[in-house]
Amino acid sequence: MPPDVQEAVNAKVFQINQTDHAQGHILPNVEDGYAWDRSGDALQARNARAELAERGKLGKPQIEFYQAVDICLTAASEFMQRYADLASDLAAVDASAARAQE
């Protein structure tokens, strides 16, 4: 286990192999999230859906799945944009230049 993960486990930020109840909290890959490109994921989903349609394998379950993917990607993008806007607003009023840069 990487030292930073072990440190977080020791600090009880999260648990690994929790057995007392179902895992309900998943930590995202934050570093990749910073570089996340919703449009790229949306394009991948559209291409996969189009490929299924071309092969005649786009049934109701697949249509609903790809609609759900689009809803989730849009929601995640809007959620992140709201936080980005908030961070910009807070940086504009923070007296500390270093904190505003963060």
Protein backbone atom coordinates (compact mmCIF):
# COMPACT_ATOMS: atom_id res chain seq x y z
CA MET A 1 0.00 0.00 0.00
CA PRO A 2 1.50 3.39 -0.94
CA PRO A 3 2.54 5.49 2.07
CA ASP A 4 0.00 8.26 1.34
CA VAL A 5 -2.83 5.73 1.21
CA GLN A 6 -1.63 4.08 4.43
CA GLU A 7 -1.48 7.51 6.09
CA ALA A 8 -5.08 8.24 5.04
CA VAL A 9 -6.22 4.84 6.31
CA ASN A 10 -4.46 5.44 9.64
CA ALA A 11 -6.13 8.86 9.88
CA LYS A 12 -9.47 7.11 9.28
CA VAL A 13 -10.16 9.10 6.10
CA PHE A 14 -11.37 5.82 4.59
CA GLN A 15 -10.95 2.08 5.07
CA ILE A 16 -9.59 -0.62 2.82
CA ASN A 17 -11.33 -4.01 2.72
CA GLN A 18 -14.07 -2.84 5.05
CA THR A 19 -16.07 -5.89 6.14
CA ASP A 20 -18.56 -4.52 8.66
CA HIS A 21 -20.94 -3.18 5.99
CA ALA A 22 -21.11 -2.53 2.27
CA GLN A 23 -18.63 -0.16 0.68
CA GLY A 24 -20.59 2.99 -0.08
CA HIS A 25 -17.90 5.61 -0.44
CA ILE A 26 -15.47 5.48 -3.30
CA LEU A 27 -12.56 7.88 -3.58
CA PRO A 28 -12.19 9.19 -7.13
CA ASN A 29 -8.87 9.51 -8.85
CA VAL A 30 -8.59 13.22 -8.12
CA GLU A 31 -5.45 13.80 -10.18
CA ASP A 32 -7.13 12.44 -13.30
CA GLY A 33 -10.26 14.37 -12.36
CA TYR A 34 -8.39 17.66 -12.61
CA ALA A 35 -7.53 16.84 -16.19
CA TRP A 36 -10.91 15.30 -16.96
CA ASP A 37 -12.40 16.10 -20.33
CA ARG A 38 -16.15 15.54 -20.29
CA SER A 39 -16.33 16.16 -24.03
CA GLY A 40 -13.83 13.34 -24.63
CA ASP A 41 -15.83 10.92 -22.50
CA ALA A 42 -19.07 12.06 -24.14
CA LEU A 43 -17.52 11.48 -27.56
CA GLN A 44 -16.43 7.98 -26.53
CA ALA A 45 -19.97 7.21 -25.36
CA ARG A 46 -21.51 8.55 -28.59
CA ASN A 47 -19.07 6.49 -30.66
CA ALA A 48 -19.79 3.32 -28.67
CA ARG A 49 -23.53 3.89 -29.03
CA ALA A 50 -23.17 4.51 -32.78
CA GLU A 51 -21.14 1.33 -33.16
CA LEU A 52 -23.86 -0.70 -31.44
CA ALA A 53 -26.48 0.92 -33.66
CA GLU A 54 -24.48 0.07 -36.80
CA ARG A 55 -24.27 -3.56 -35.69
CA GLY A 56 -28.02 -3.66 -34.94
CA LYS A 57 -27.36 -4.26 -31.24
CA LEU A 58 -28.75 -1.01 -29.82
CA GLY A 59 -31.75 -2.12 -27.82
CA LYS A 60 -33.70 -0.39 -25.09
CA PRO A 61 -31.20 -1.32 -22.31
CA GLN A 62 -28.30 0.12 -24.31
CA ILE A 63 -30.22 3.28 -25.19
CA GLU A 64 -31.09 3.80 -21.52
CA PHE A 65 -27.50 3.12 -20.49
CA TYR A 66 -26.07 5.71 -22.87
CA GLN A 67 -28.74 8.23 -21.84
CA ALA A 68 -27.66 7.66 -18.23
CA VAL A 69 -24.00 8.11 -19.20
CA ASP A 70 -24.85 11.44 -20.83
CA ILE A 71 -26.85 12.58 -17.79
CA CYS A 72 -24.01 11.63 -15.43
CA LEU A 73 -21.31 13.30 -17.51
CA THR A 74 -23.37 16.47 -17.83
CA ALA A 75 -24.15 16.52 -14.10
CA ALA A 76 -20.51 15.94 -13.13
CA SER A 77 -19.36 18.67 -15.49
CA GLU A 78 -21.90 21.18 -14.16
CA PHE A 79 -21.02 20.25 -10.56
CA MET A 80 -17.31 20.83 -11.18
CA GLN A 81 -18.00 24.10 -12.99
CA ARG A 82 -19.98 25.40 -10.00
CA TYR A 83 -17.02 24.68 -7.72
CA ALA A 84 -14.61 26.28 -10.18
CA ASP A 85 -16.79 29.38 -10.27
CA LEU A 86 -16.94 29.45 -6.47
CA ALA A 87 -13.16 29.07 -6.20
CA SER A 88 -12.70 31.97 -8.63
CA ASP A 89 -15.12 34.13 -6.66
CA LEU A 90 -13.35 33.33 -3.39
CA ALA A 91 -9.94 34.00 -4.93
CA ALA A 92 -11.13 37.42 -6.07
CA VAL A 93 -11.92 38.50 -2.48
CA ASP A 94 -9.11 36.73 -0.57
CA ALA A 95 -6.52 39.11 0.81
CA SER A 96 -3.70 36.59 0.52
CA ALA A 97 -2.19 36.40 -2.98
CA ALA A 98 -0.79 32.93 -2.24
CA ARG A 99 -4.19 31.64 -1.12
CA ALA A 100 -5.91 33.20 -4.11
CA GLN A 101 -3.42 31.45 -6.41
CA GLU A 102 -4.29 28.10 -4.80
